[in-house]
Amino acid sequence: MKLLKKSGNTMDAYVHAGLVAAAYLQAKDELNYNKWKAIEKEEAKNAGIPLN
C-alpha cells in the first residue's frame, strides 16, 4: 500500500484495498478479508467517499 500511495492518489488506494479484500473473500480468508475491509473503509474516508 505504501508504494501505491507514493505513485497513486487516494482513490487508487481505495480501489486497490477493495480489490485485495475481494481476493481474500474468494480465498475464504476471513482474517485478512476483515483486515482489508477496514483498510478499504479508511481509504474511502481519506478519498472523501461516504460509506453507509
Protein backbone atom coordinates (compact mmCIF):
# COMPACT_ATOMS: atom_id res chain seq x y z
CA MET A 1 0.00 0.00 0.00
CA LYS A 2 2.91 2.36 0.68
CA LEU A 3 4.15 2.01 -2.89
CA LEU A 4 0.69 2.67 -4.27
CA LYS A 5 0.31 5.79 -2.13
CA LYS A 6 3.60 7.14 -3.47
CA SER A 7 2.55 6.83 -7.11
CA GLY A 8 -1.24 6.94 -6.93
CA ASN A 9 -3.93 9.05 -5.37
CA THR A 10 -6.42 8.41 -2.58
CA MET A 11 -9.00 6.97 -4.98
CA ASP A 12 -6.42 4.48 -6.28
CA ALA A 13 -5.67 3.35 -2.73
CA TYR A 14 -9.40 2.90 -2.00
CA VAL A 15 -9.99 0.84 -5.16
CA HIS A 16 -6.89 -1.27 -4.58
CA ALA A 17 -7.91 -2.06 -1.00
CA GLY A 18 -11.31 -3.21 -2.28
CA LEU A 19 -9.70 -5.50 -4.82
CA VAL A 20 -7.41 -7.03 -2.22
CA ALA A 21 -10.37 -7.56 0.12
CA ALA A 22 -12.30 -9.25 -2.69
CA ALA A 23 -9.38 -11.60 -3.35
CA TYR A 24 -9.28 -12.62 0.31
CA LEU A 25 -13.04 -13.15 0.27
CA GLN A 26 -12.69 -15.53 -2.69
CA ALA A 27 -9.88 -17.32 -0.87
CA LYS A 28 -12.18 -17.65 2.17
CA ASP A 29 -9.51 -15.97 4.33
CA GLU A 30 -11.76 -14.19 6.80
CA LEU A 31 -8.97 -12.71 8.93
CA ASN A 32 -7.26 -10.94 6.03
CA TYR A 33 -10.60 -10.07 4.42
CA ASN A 34 -11.65 -8.21 7.56
CA LYS A 35 -8.25 -6.50 7.76
CA TRP A 36 -8.51 -5.23 4.18
CA LYS A 37 -12.15 -4.19 4.55
CA ALA A 38 -11.02 -1.98 7.42
CA ILE A 39 -8.23 -0.60 5.22
CA GLU A 40 -10.76 -0.03 2.42
CA LYS A 41 -13.02 1.87 4.82
CA GLU A 42 -10.12 4.07 5.96
CA GLU A 43 -9.07 4.75 2.36
CA ALA A 44 -12.66 5.66 1.46
CA LYS A 45 -12.58 8.19 4.28
CA ASN A 46 -9.25 9.55 3.00
CA ALA A 47 -10.70 9.86 -0.51
CA GLY A 48 -13.82 11.64 0.76
CA ILE A 49 -16.15 8.79 -0.18
CA PRO A 50 -19.10 8.44 2.20
CA LEU A 51 -19.85 4.86 3.21
CA ASN A 52 -23.08 3.73 4.81
